[in-house]
């Protein structure tokens, strides 16, 4: 297994689609359903043998949770805060624009 490139609290953006989010969980390799993976068109279907990230994600229209492969994520350098309504429940924003888990989130 590879070590995860992104960490919990890091702000990332999708390589191909217009959304960004903050990482709140990391799976060392694919841990979703085969149906979920099969629903992705084969030319852009991610490999299973890489870290996958759960994001509190947002785009111009909505907020949601996303499950994204490492190959499809890039660091977000916009310095814009994440406005997902659950961010404040789990995280505190740091001076460098990333997020750290609140102590109460660790219970």
PDB file of N, CA and C in Angstrom:
ATOM      1  N   UNK A   1       0.831  -1.192   0.000  1.00  0.00           N
ATOM      2  CA  UNK A   1       0.000   0.000   0.000  1.00  0.00           C
ATOM      3  C   UNK A   1       0.872   1.251   0.000  1.00  0.00           C
ATOM      4  N   UNK A   2       0.411   2.240  -0.725  1.00  0.00           N
ATOM      5  CA  UNK A   2       1.109   3.521  -0.774  1.00  0.00           C
ATOM      6  C   UNK A   2       0.691   4.410   0.389  1.00  0.00           C
ATOM      7  N   UNK A   3       1.581   5.294   0.739  1.00  0.00           N
ATOM      8  CA  UNK A   3       1.247   6.296   1.753  1.00  0.00           C
ATOM      9  C   UNK A   3       0.384   7.371   1.092  1.00  0.00           C
ATOM     10  N   UNK A   4      -0.611   7.850   1.805  1.00  0.00           N
ATOM     11  CA  UNK A   4      -1.517   8.865   1.280  1.00  0.00           C
ATOM     12  C   UNK A   4      -0.765  10.179   1.035  1.00  0.00           C
ATOM     13  N   UNK A   5      -1.029  10.785  -0.100  1.00  0.00           N
ATOM     14  CA  UNK A   5      -0.391  12.044  -0.487  1.00  0.00           C
ATOM     15  C   UNK A   5      -1.032  13.235   0.234  1.00  0.00           C
ATOM     16  N   UNK A   6      -2.334  13.141   0.494  1.00  0.00           N
ATOM     17  CA  UNK A   6      -3.075  14.232   1.125  1.00  0.00           C
ATOM     18  C   UNK A   6      -3.456  13.810   2.544  1.00  0.00           C
ATOM     19  N   UNK A   7      -3.642  14.789   3.413  1.00  0.00           N
ATOM     20  CA  UNK A   7      -3.922  14.477   4.815  1.00  0.00           C
ATOM     21  C   UNK A   7      -5.270  15.046   5.243  1.00  0.00           C
ATOM     22  N   UNK A   8      -5.764  14.526   6.349  1.00  0.00           N
ATOM     23  CA  UNK A   8      -7.022  15.023   6.906  1.00  0.00           C
ATOM     24  C   UNK A   8      -6.846  16.506   7.232  1.00  0.00           C
ATOM     25  N   UNK A   9      -7.821  17.288   6.775  1.00  0.00           N
ATOM     26  CA  UNK A   9      -7.780  18.737   6.973  1.00  0.00           C
ATOM     27  C   UNK A   9      -7.221  19.504   5.791  1.00  0.00           C
ATOM     28  N   UNK A  10      -6.627  18.815   4.833  1.00  0.00           N
ATOM     29  CA  UNK A  10      -6.048  19.492   3.671  1.00  0.00           C
ATOM     30  C   UNK A  10      -7.144  19.841   2.665  1.00  0.00           C
ATOM     31  N   UNK A  11      -7.030  21.013   2.059  1.00  0.00           N
ATOM     32  CA  UNK A  11      -7.970  21.447   1.033  1.00  0.00           C
ATOM     33  C   UNK A  11      -7.433  21.002  -0.329  1.00  0.00           C
ATOM     34  N   UNK A  12      -8.307  20.338  -1.090  1.00  0.00           N
ATOM     35  CA  UNK A  12      -7.934  19.789  -2.396  1.00  0.00           C
ATOM     36  C   UNK A  12      -8.994  20.163  -3.420  1.00  0.00           C
ATOM     37  N   UNK A  13      -8.633  19.969  -4.680  1.00  0.00           N
ATOM     38  CA  UNK A  13      -9.601  20.179  -5.763  1.00  0.00           C
ATOM     39  C   UNK A  13      -9.524  18.994  -6.708  1.00  0.00           C
ATOM     40  N   UNK A  14     -10.618  18.781  -7.437  1.00  0.00           N
ATOM     41  CA  UNK A  14     -10.664  17.668  -8.377  1.00  0.00           C
ATOM     42  C   UNK A  14      -9.898  18.052  -9.637  1.00  0.00           C
ATOM     43  N   UNK A  15      -9.188  17.096 -10.179  1.00  0.00           N
ATOM     44  CA  UNK A  15      -8.372  17.307 -11.375  1.00  0.00           C
ATOM     45  C   UNK A  15      -9.224  17.592 -12.612  1.00  0.00           C
ATOM     46  N   UNK A  16     -10.414  16.989 -12.712  1.00  0.00           N
ATOM     47  CA  UNK A  16     -11.221  17.093 -13.929  1.00  0.00           C
ATOM     48  C   UNK A  16     -12.545  17.819 -13.759  1.00  0.00           C
ATOM     49  N   UNK A  17     -13.089  17.831 -12.556  1.00  0.00           N
ATOM     50  CA  UNK A  17     -14.411  18.411 -12.339  1.00  0.00           C
ATOM     51  C   UNK A  17     -14.308  19.624 -11.428  1.00  0.00           C
ATOM     52  N   UNK A  18     -15.234  20.584 -11.580  1.00  0.00           N
ATOM     53  CA  UNK A  18     -15.130  21.852 -10.836  1.00  0.00           C
ATOM     54  C   UNK A  18     -15.638  21.771  -9.403  1.00  0.00           C
ATOM     55  N   UNK A  19     -14.925  21.033  -8.564  1.00  0.00           N
ATOM     56  CA  UNK A  19     -15.251  21.069  -7.146  1.00  0.00           C
ATOM     57  C   UNK A  19     -13.982  20.947  -6.321  1.00  0.00           C
ATOM     58  N   UNK A  20     -14.111  21.372  -5.075  1.00  0.00           N
ATOM     59  CA  UNK A  20     -13.015  21.325  -4.119  1.00  0.00           C
ATOM     60  C   UNK A  20     -13.580  20.929  -2.773  1.00  0.00           C
ATOM     61  N   UNK A  21     -12.698  20.602  -1.851  1.00  0.00           N
ATOM     62  CA  UNK A  21     -13.192  20.212  -0.540  1.00  0.00           C
ATOM     63  C   UNK A  21     -12.066  19.997   0.439  1.00  0.00           C
ATOM     64  N   UNK A  22     -12.451  19.667   1.655  1.00  0.00           N
ATOM     65  CA  UNK A  22     -11.486  19.380   2.717  1.00  0.00           C
ATOM     66  C   UNK A  22     -11.570  17.880   3.022  1.00  0.00           C
ATOM     67  N   UNK A  23     -10.401  17.255   3.140  1.00  0.00           N
ATOM     68  CA  UNK A  23     -10.319  15.822   3.419  1.00  0.00           C
ATOM     69  C   UNK A  23     -10.746  15.567   4.863  1.00  0.00           C
ATOM     70  N   UNK A  24     -11.710  14.636   5.061  1.00  0.00           N
ATOM     71  CA  UNK A  24     -12.081  14.267   6.428  1.00  0.00           C
ATOM     72  C   UNK A  24     -11.845  12.793   6.729  1.00  0.00           C
ATOM     73  N   UNK A  25     -11.482  11.999   5.720  1.00  0.00           N
ATOM     74  CA  UNK A  25     -11.163  10.597   5.953  1.00  0.00           C
ATOM     75  C   UNK A  25     -10.350  10.087   4.770  1.00  0.00           C
ATOM     76  N   UNK A  26      -9.504   9.074   5.031  1.00  0.00           N
ATOM     77  CA  UNK A  26      -8.661   8.490   3.987  1.00  0.00           C
ATOM     78  C   UNK A  26      -8.760   6.978   4.072  1.00  0.00           C
ATOM     79  N   UNK A  27      -9.031   6.346   2.931  1.00  0.00           N
ATOM     80  CA  UNK A  27      -8.967   4.889   2.813  1.00  0.00           C
ATOM     81  C   UNK A  27      -7.655   4.557   2.103  1.00  0.00           C
ATOM     82  N   UNK A  28      -6.835   3.654   2.642  1.00  0.00           N
ATOM     83  CA  UNK A  28      -5.548   3.326   2.006  1.00  0.00           C
ATOM     84  C   UNK A  28      -5.691   2.780   0.585  1.00  0.00           C
ATOM     85  N   UNK A  29      -6.841   2.164   0.314  1.00  0.00           N
ATOM     86  CA  UNK A  29      -7.171   1.729  -1.051  1.00  0.00           C
ATOM     87  C   UNK A  29      -8.688   1.739  -1.165  1.00  0.00           C
ATOM     88  N   UNK A  30      -9.188   1.527  -2.366  1.00  0.00           N
ATOM     89  CA  UNK A  30     -10.619   1.599  -2.636  1.00  0.00           C
ATOM     90  C   UNK A  30     -11.425   0.798  -1.620  1.00  0.00           C
ATOM     91  N   UNK A  31     -12.467   1.445  -1.066  1.00  0.00           N
ATOM     92  CA  UNK A  31     -13.293   0.799  -0.059  1.00  0.00           C
ATOM     93  C   UNK A  31     -14.756   1.211  -0.238  1.00  0.00           C
ATOM     94  N   UNK A  32     -15.210   1.199  -1.465  1.00  0.00           N
ATOM     95  CA  UNK A  32     -16.600   1.501  -1.779  1.00  0.00           C
ATOM     96  C   UNK A  32     -17.153   0.302  -2.524  1.00  0.00           C
ATOM     97  N   UNK A  33     -18.335   0.411  -3.069  1.00  0.00           N
ATOM     98  CA  UNK A  33     -18.946  -0.733  -3.741  1.00  0.00           C
ATOM     99  C   UNK A  33     -18.447  -0.885  -5.179  1.00  0.00           C
ATOM    100  N   UNK A  34     -18.502  -2.113  -5.670  1.00  0.00           N
ATOM    101  CA  UNK A  34     -18.153  -2.360  -7.067  1.00  0.00           C
ATOM    102  C   UNK A  34     -19.099  -1.612  -7.996  1.00  0.00           C
ATOM    103  N   UNK A  35     -20.365  -1.472  -7.584  1.00  0.00           N
ATOM    104  CA  UNK A  35     -21.349  -0.740  -8.400  1.00  0.00           C
ATOM    105  C   UNK A  35     -20.951   0.731  -8.528  1.00  0.00           C
ATOM    106  N   UNK A  36     -20.450   1.302  -7.439  1.00  0.00           N
ATOM    107  CA  UNK A  36     -20.018   2.701  -7.484  1.00  0.00           C
ATOM    108  C   UNK A  36     -18.896   2.859  -8.503  1.00  0.00           C
ATOM    109  N   UNK A  37     -17.917   1.971  -8.441  1.00  0.00           N
ATOM    110  CA  UNK A  37     -16.778   2.047  -9.354  1.00  0.00           C
ATOM    111  C   UNK A  37     -17.212   1.797 -10.792  1.00  0.00           C
ATOM    112  N   UNK A  38     -18.085   0.831 -11.019  1.00  0.00           N
ATOM    113  CA  UNK A  38     -18.538   0.496 -12.372  1.00  0.00           C
ATOM    114  C   UNK A  38     -19.347   1.624 -13.005  1.00  0.00           C
ATOM    115  N   UNK A  39     -19.933   2.495 -12.193  1.00  0.00           N
ATOM    116  CA  UNK A  39     -20.719   3.617 -12.717  1.00  0.00           C
ATOM    117  C   UNK A  39     -19.845   4.705 -13.337  1.00  0.00           C
ATOM    118  N   UNK A  40     -18.562   4.667 -13.078  1.00  0.00           N
ATOM    119  CA  UNK A  40     -17.637   5.654 -13.642  1.00  0.00           C
ATOM    120  C   UNK A  40     -17.226   5.174 -15.030  1.00  0.00           C
ATOM    121  N   UNK A  41     -17.327   6.032 -16.048  1.00  0.00           N
ATOM    122  CA  UNK A  41     -16.948   5.602 -17.400  1.00  0.00           C
ATOM    123  C   UNK A  41     -15.519   5.042 -17.418  1.00  0.00           C
ATOM    124  N   UNK A  42     -15.340   3.937 -18.114  1.00  0.00           N
ATOM    125  CA  UNK A  42     -14.055   3.234 -18.108  1.00  0.00           C
ATOM    126  C   UNK A  42     -12.856   4.112 -18.445  1.00  0.00           C
ATOM    127  N   UNK A  43     -12.963   5.031 -19.419  1.00  0.00           N
ATOM    128  CA  UNK A  43     -11.778   5.849 -19.737  1.00  0.00           C
ATOM    129  C   UNK A  43     -11.272   6.707 -18.570  1.00  0.00           C
ATOM    130  N   UNK A  44     -12.154   7.019 -17.614  1.00  0.00           N
ATOM    131  CA  UNK A  44     -11.713   7.840 -16.476  1.00  0.00           C
ATOM    132  C   UNK A  44     -11.851   7.104 -15.142  1.00  0.00           C
ATOM    133  N   UNK A  45     -12.143   5.818 -15.184  1.00  0.00           N
ATOM    134  CA  UNK A  45     -12.301   5.024 -13.957  1.00  0.00           C
ATOM    135  C   UNK A  45     -10.960   4.927 -13.237  1.00  0.00           C
ATOM    136  N   UNK A  46     -10.926   5.269 -11.950  1.00  0.00           N
ATOM    137  CA  UNK A  46      -9.659   5.217 -11.211  1.00  0.00           C
ATOM    138  C   UNK A  46      -9.255   3.781 -10.860  1.00  0.00           C
ATOM    139  N   UNK A  47      -7.971   3.599 -10.662  1.00  0.00           N
ATOM    140  CA  UNK A  47      -7.452   2.314 -10.174  1.00  0.00           C
ATOM    141  C   UNK A  47      -7.900   2.104  -8.728  1.00  0.00           C
ATOM    142  N   UNK A  48      -8.039   0.863  -8.328  1.00  0.00           N
ATOM    143  CA  UNK A  48      -8.455   0.529  -6.964  1.00  0.00           C
ATOM    144  C   UNK A  48      -7.291   0.589  -5.971  1.00  0.00           C
ATOM    145  N   UNK A  49      -6.077   0.412  -6.455  1.00  0.00           N
ATOM    146  CA  UNK A  49      -4.895   0.243  -5.593  1.00  0.00           C
ATOM    147  C   UNK A  49      -4.210   1.558  -5.232  1.00  0.00           C
ATOM    148  N   UNK A  50      -4.982   2.495  -4.772  1.00  0.00           N
ATOM    149  CA  UNK A  50      -4.452   3.801  -4.389  1.00  0.00           C
ATOM    150  C   UNK A  50      -5.324   4.347  -3.270  1.00  0.00           C
ATOM    151  N   UNK A  51      -4.838   5.347  -2.551  1.00  0.00           N
ATOM    152  CA  UNK A  51      -5.681   5.963  -1.524  1.00  0.00           C
ATOM    153  C   UNK A  51      -6.910   6.637  -2.145  1.00  0.00           C
ATOM    154  N   UNK A  52      -8.009   6.566  -1.419  1.00  0.00           N
ATOM    155  CA  UNK A  52      -9.243   7.268  -1.770  1.00  0.00           C
ATOM    156  C   UNK A  52      -9.598   8.165  -0.606  1.00  0.00           C
ATOM    157  N   UNK A  53     -10.145   9.332  -0.908  1.00  0.00           N
ATOM    158  CA  UNK A  53     -10.394  10.363   0.092  1.00  0.00           C
ATOM    159  C   UNK A  53     -11.874  10.705   0.165  1.00  0.00           C
ATOM    160  N   UNK A  54     -12.324  10.894   1.391  1.00  0.00           N
ATOM    161  CA  UNK A  54     -13.689  11.381   1.613  1.00  0.00           C
ATOM    162  C   UNK A  54     -13.568  12.875   1.896  1.00  0.00           C
ATOM    163  N   UNK A  55     -14.334  13.638   1.127  1.00  0.00           N
ATOM    164  CA  UNK A  55     -14.252  15.100   1.195  1.00  0.00           C
ATOM    165  C   UNK A  55     -15.581  15.708   1.605  1.00  0.00           C
ATOM    166  N   UNK A  56     -15.506  16.786   2.368  1.00  0.00           N
ATOM    167  CA  UNK A  56     -16.628  17.705   2.489  1.00  0.00           C
ATOM    168  C   UNK A  56     -16.448  18.638   1.301  1.00  0.00           C
ATOM    169  N   UNK A  57     -17.231  18.394   0.256  1.00  0.00           N
ATOM    170  CA  UNK A  57     -16.989  19.026  -1.042  1.00  0.00           C
ATOM    171  C   UNK A  57     -18.014  20.111  -1.343  1.00  0.00           C
ATOM    172  N   UNK A  58     -17.625  20.973  -2.279  1.00  0.00           N
ATOM    173  CA  UNK A  58     -18.518  22.033  -2.728  1.00  0.00           C
ATOM    174  C   UNK A  58     -18.196  22.408  -4.168  1.00  0.00           C
ATOM    175  N   UNK A  59     -19.239  22.854  -4.862  1.00  0.00           N
ATOM    176  CA  UNK A  59     -19.069  23.450  -6.178  1.00  0.00           C
ATOM    177  C   UNK A  59     -19.906  24.727  -6.190  1.00  0.00           C
ATOM    178  N   UNK A  60     -20.120  25.301  -7.332  1.00  0.00           N
ATOM    179  CA  UNK A  60     -20.843  26.575  -7.394  1.00  0.00           C
ATOM    180  C   UNK A  60     -22.306  26.451  -6.965  1.00  0.00           C
ATOM    181  N   UNK A  61     -22.867  25.234  -7.042  1.00  0.00           N
ATOM    182  CA  UNK A  61     -24.283  25.059  -6.749  1.00  0.00           C
ATOM    183  C   UNK A  61     -24.605  24.393  -5.413  1.00  0.00           C
ATOM    184  N   UNK A  62     -23.700  23.571  -4.876  1.00  0.00           N
ATOM    185  CA  UNK A  62     -24.090  22.789  -3.709  1.00  0.00           C
ATOM    186  C   UNK A  62     -22.911  22.343  -2.852  1.00  0.00           C
ATOM    187  N   UNK A  63     -23.273  21.742  -1.725  1.00  0.00           N
ATOM    188  CA  UNK A  63     -22.322  21.129  -0.792  1.00  0.00           C
ATOM    189  C   UNK A  63     -22.698  19.658  -0.681  1.00  0.00           C
ATOM    190  N   UNK A  64     -21.714  18.792  -0.579  1.00  0.00           N
ATOM    191  CA  UNK A  64     -21.974  17.360  -0.527  1.00  0.00           C
ATOM    192  C   UNK A  64     -20.724  16.641  -0.050  1.00  0.00           C
ATOM    193  N   UNK A  65     -20.822  15.338   0.131  1.00  0.00           N
ATOM    194  CA  UNK A  65     -19.653  14.516   0.429  1.00  0.00           C
ATOM    195  C   UNK A  65     -19.233  13.824  -0.858  1.00  0.00           C
ATOM    196  N   UNK A  66     -17.925  13.736  -1.073  1.00  0.00           N
ATOM    197  CA  UNK A  66     -17.394  13.096  -2.277  1.00  0.00           C
ATOM    198  C   UNK A  66     -16.371  12.036  -1.887  1.00  0.00           C
ATOM    199  N   UNK A  67     -16.257  11.022  -2.711  1.00  0.00           N
ATOM    200  CA  UNK A  67     -15.273   9.944  -2.539  1.00  0.00           C
ATOM    201  C   UNK A  67     -14.408   9.970  -3.787  1.00  0.00           C
ATOM    202  N   UNK A  68     -13.128  10.315  -3.633  1.00  0.00           N
ATOM    203  CA  UNK A  68     -12.288  10.614  -4.794  1.00  0.00           C
ATOM    204  C   UNK A  68     -10.944   9.902  -4.685  1.00  0.00           C
ATOM    205  N   UNK A  69     -10.488   9.365  -5.809  1.00  0.00           N
ATOM    206  CA  UNK A  69      -9.184   8.704  -5.858  1.00  0.00           C
ATOM    207  C   UNK A  69      -8.063   9.734  -5.811  1.00  0.00           C
ATOM    208  N   UNK A  70      -6.924   9.301  -5.299  1.00  0.00           N
ATOM    209  CA  UNK A  70      -5.772  10.194  -5.220  1.00  0.00           C
ATOM    210  C   UNK A  70      -5.368  10.730  -6.591  1.00  0.00           C
ATOM    211  N   UNK A  71      -5.448   9.880  -7.635  1.00  0.00           N
ATOM    212  CA  UNK A  71      -5.027  10.306  -8.971  1.00  0.00           C
ATOM    213  C   UNK A  71      -5.868  11.462  -9.497  1.00  0.00           C
ATOM    214  N   UNK A  72      -7.054  11.678  -8.928  1.00  0.00           N
ATOM    215  CA  UNK A  72      -7.934  12.742  -9.412  1.00  0.00           C
ATOM    216  C   UNK A  72      -7.964  13.969  -8.512  1.00  0.00           C
ATOM    217  N   UNK A  73      -7.032  14.059  -7.583  1.00  0.00           N
ATOM    218  CA  UNK A  73      -6.981  15.219  -6.696  1.00  0.00           C
ATOM    219  C   UNK A  73      -5.690  15.995  -6.864  1.00  0.00           C
ATOM    220  N   UNK A  74      -5.795  17.290  -6.644  1.00  0.00           N
ATOM    221  CA  UNK A  74      -4.653  18.205  -6.641  1.00  0.00           C
ATOM    222  C   UNK A  74      -4.766  19.088  -5.405  1.00  0.00           C
ATOM    223  N   UNK A  75      -3.655  19.569  -4.874  1.00  0.00           N
ATOM    224  CA  UNK A  75      -3.748  20.536  -3.767  1.00  0.00           C
ATOM    225  C   UNK A  75      -4.484  21.789  -4.254  1.00  0.00           C
ATOM    226  N   UNK A  76      -5.308  22.363  -3.413  1.00  0.00           N
ATOM    227  CA  UNK A  76      -6.005  23.603  -3.766  1.00  0.00           C
ATOM    228  C   UNK A  76      -5.193  24.757  -3.197  1.00  0.00           C
ATOM    229  N   UNK A  77      -4.757  25.649  -4.061  1.00  0.00           N
ATOM    230  CA  UNK A  77      -3.934  26.777  -3.614  1.00  0.00           C
ATOM    231  C   UNK A  77      -4.671  28.105  -3.720  1.00  0.00           C
ATOM    232  N   UNK A  78      -6.004  28.056  -3.714  1.00  0.00           N
ATOM    233  CA  UNK A  78      -6.789  29.284  -3.874  1.00  0.00           C
ATOM    234  C   UNK A  78      -6.818  30.132  -2.606  1.00  0.00           C
ATOM    235  N   UNK A  79      -6.487  29.552  -1.457  1.00  0.00           N
ATOM    236  CA  UNK A  79      -6.573  30.235  -0.164  1.00  0.00           C
ATOM    237  C   UNK A  79      -7.990  30.644   0.217  1.00  0.00           C
ATOM    238  N   UNK A  80      -8.991  30.131  -0.500  1.00  0.00           N
ATOM    239  CA  UNK A  80     -10.394  30.402  -0.172  1.00  0.00           C
ATOM    240  C   UNK A  80     -10.862  29.389   0.870  1.00  0.00           C
ATOM    241  N   UNK A  81     -11.614  29.828   1.873  1.00  0.00           N
ATOM    242  CA  UNK A  81     -12.122  28.865   2.861  1.00  0.00           C
ATOM    243  C   UNK A  81     -13.177  27.954   2.231  1.00  0.00           C
ATOM    244  N   UNK A  82     -13.376  26.818   2.854  1.00  0.00           N
ATOM    245  CA  UNK A  82     -14.426  25.890   2.438  1.00  0.00           C
ATOM    246  C   UNK A  82     -15.700  26.304   3.174  1.00  0.00           C
ATOM    247  N   UNK A  83     -16.802  26.429   2.446  1.00  0.00           N
ATOM    248  CA  UNK A  83     -18.046  26.886   3.078  1.00  0.00           C
ATOM    249  C   UNK A  83     -19.038  25.755   3.349  1.00  0.00           C
ATOM    250  N   UNK A  84     -18.594  24.528   3.207  1.00  0.00           N
ATOM    251  CA  UNK A  84     -19.463  23.376   3.499  1.00  0.00           C
ATOM    252  C   UNK A  84     -19.983  23.497   4.929  1.00  0.00           C
ATOM    253  N   UNK A  85     -21.296  23.315   5.159  1.00  0.00           N
ATOM    254  CA  UNK A  85     -21.840  23.534   6.507  1.00  0.00           C
ATOM    255  C   UNK A  85     -21.295  22.594   7.576  1.00  0.00           C
ATOM    256  N   UNK A  86     -20.755  21.442   7.220  1.00  0.00           N
ATOM    257  CA  UNK A  86     -20.229  20.515   8.226  1.00  0.00           C
ATOM    258  C   UNK A  86     -18.775  20.797   8.608  1.00  0.00           C
ATOM    259  N   UNK A  87     -18.106  21.669   7.896  1.00  0.00           N
ATOM    260  CA  UNK A  87     -16.708  21.966   8.208  1.00  0.00           C
ATOM    261  C   UNK A  87     -16.560  22.457   9.636  1.00  0.00           C
ATOM    262  N   UNK A  88     -17.421  23.376  10.056  1.00  0.00           N
ATOM    263  CA  UNK A  88     -17.310  23.940  11.411  1.00  0.00           C
ATOM    264  C   UNK A  88     -17.613  22.918  12.505  1.00  0.00           C
ATOM    265  N   UNK A  89     -18.313  21.851  12.160  1.00  0.00           N
ATOM    266  CA  UNK A  89     -18.592  20.809  13.151  1.00  0.00           C
ATOM    267  C   UNK A  89     -17.368  19.949  13.430  1.00  0.00           C
ATOM    268  N   UNK A  90     -16.527  19.742  12.411  1.00  0.00           N
ATOM    269  CA  UNK A  90     -15.386  18.842  12.521  1.00  0.00           C
ATOM    270  C   UNK A  90     -14.036  19.527  12.676  1.00  0.00           C
ATOM    271  N   UNK A  91     -13.912  20.731  12.104  1.00  0.00           N
ATOM    272  CA  UNK A  91     -12.594  21.347  11.971  1.00  0.00           C
ATOM    273  C   UNK A  91     -12.513  22.749  12.544  1.00  0.00           C
ATOM    274  N   UNK A  92     -11.267  23.142  12.822  1.00  0.00           N
ATOM    275  CA  UNK A  92     -10.908  24.535  13.092  1.00  0.00           C
ATOM    276  C   UNK A  92      -9.996  24.959  11.954  1.00  0.00           C
ATOM    277  N   UNK A  93     -10.187  26.162  11.434  1.00  0.00           N
ATOM    278  CA  UNK A  93      -9.312  26.645  10.365  1.00  0.00           C
ATOM    279  C   UNK A  93      -7.997  27.122  10.966  1.00  0.00           C
ATOM    280  N   UNK A  94      -6.883  26.781  10.316  1.00  0.00           N
ATOM    281  CA  UNK A  94      -5.568  27.194  10.795  1.00  0.00           C
ATOM    282  C   UNK A  94      -5.123  28.454  10.069  1.00  0.00           C
ATOM    283  N   UNK A  95      -4.044  29.038  10.533  1.00  0.00           N
ATOM    284  CA  UNK A  95      -3.532  30.274   9.929  1.00  0.00           C
ATOM    285  C   UNK A  95      -3.106  30.088   8.485  1.00  0.00           C
ATOM    286  N   UNK A  96      -2.699  28.875   8.107  1.00  0.00           N
ATOM    287  CA  UNK A  96      -2.242  28.658   6.729  1.00  0.00           C
ATOM    288  C   UNK A  96      -3.380  28.263   5.788  1.00  0.00           C
ATOM    289  N   UNK A  97      -4.642  28.309   6.259  1.00  0.00           N
ATOM    290  CA  UNK A  97      -5.781  28.028   5.402  1.00  0.00           C
ATOM    291  C   UNK A  97      -6.184  26.564   5.350  1.00  0.00           C
ATOM    292  N   UNK A  98      -5.445  25.708   6.058  1.00  0.00           N
ATOM    293  CA  UNK A  98      -5.868  24.305   6.127  1.00  0.00           C
ATOM    294  C   UNK A  98      -6.764  24.152   7.358  1.00  0.00           C
ATOM    295  N   UNK A  99      -7.136  22.940   7.641  1.00  0.00           N
ATOM    296  CA  UNK A  99      -8.043  22.683   8.744  1.00  0.00           C
ATOM    297  C   UNK A  99      -7.463  21.605   9.644  1.00  0.00           C
ATOM    298  N   UNK A 100      -7.720  21.721  10.946  1.00  0.00           N
ATOM    299  CA  UNK A 100      -7.329  20.647  11.863  1.00  0.00           C
ATOM    300  C   UNK A 100      -8.578  20.196  12.599  1.00  0.00           C
ATOM    301  N   UNK A 101      -8.624  18.888  12.874  1.00  0.00           N
ATOM    302  CA  UNK A 101      -9.784  18.335  13.563  1.00  0.00           C
ATOM    303  C   UNK A 101      -9.940  18.959  14.936  1.00  0.00           C
ATOM    304  N   UNK A 102     -11.171  19.260  15.294  1.00  0.00           N
ATOM    305  CA  UNK A 102     -11.453  19.724  16.646  1.00  0.00           C
ATOM    306  C   UNK A 102     -11.258  18.550  17.587  1.00  0.00           C
ATOM    307  N   UNK A 103     -10.776  18.791  18.794  1.00  0.00           N
ATOM    308  CA  UNK A 103     -10.608  17.685  19.751  1.00  0.00           C
ATOM    309  C   UNK A 103     -11.893  16.879  19.940  1.00  0.00           C
ATOM    310  N   UNK A 104     -13.049  17.529  19.907  1.00  0.00           N
ATOM    311  CA  UNK A 104     -14.307  16.813  20.079  1.00  0.00           C
ATOM    312  C   UNK A 104     -14.602  15.874  18.919  1.00  0.00           C
ATOM    313  N   UNK A 105     -13.983  16.090  17.754  1.00  0.00           N
ATOM    314  CA  UNK A 105     -14.174  15.225  16.582  1.00  0.00           C
ATOM    315  C   UNK A 105     -13.436  13.907  16.720  1.00  0.00           C
ATOM    316  N   UNK A 106     -12.476  13.850  17.617  1.00  0.00           N
ATOM    317  CA  UNK A 106     -11.658  12.663  17.771  1.00  0.00           C
ATOM    318  C   UNK A 106     -12.290  11.613  18.669  1.00  0.00           C
ATOM    319  N   UNK A 107     -13.376  11.949  19.358  1.00  0.00           N
ATOM    320  CA  UNK A 107     -14.036  11.000  20.258  1.00  0.00           C
ATOM    321  C   UNK A 107     -14.874  10.007  19.498  1.00  0.00           C
TER     322      UNK A 107
END
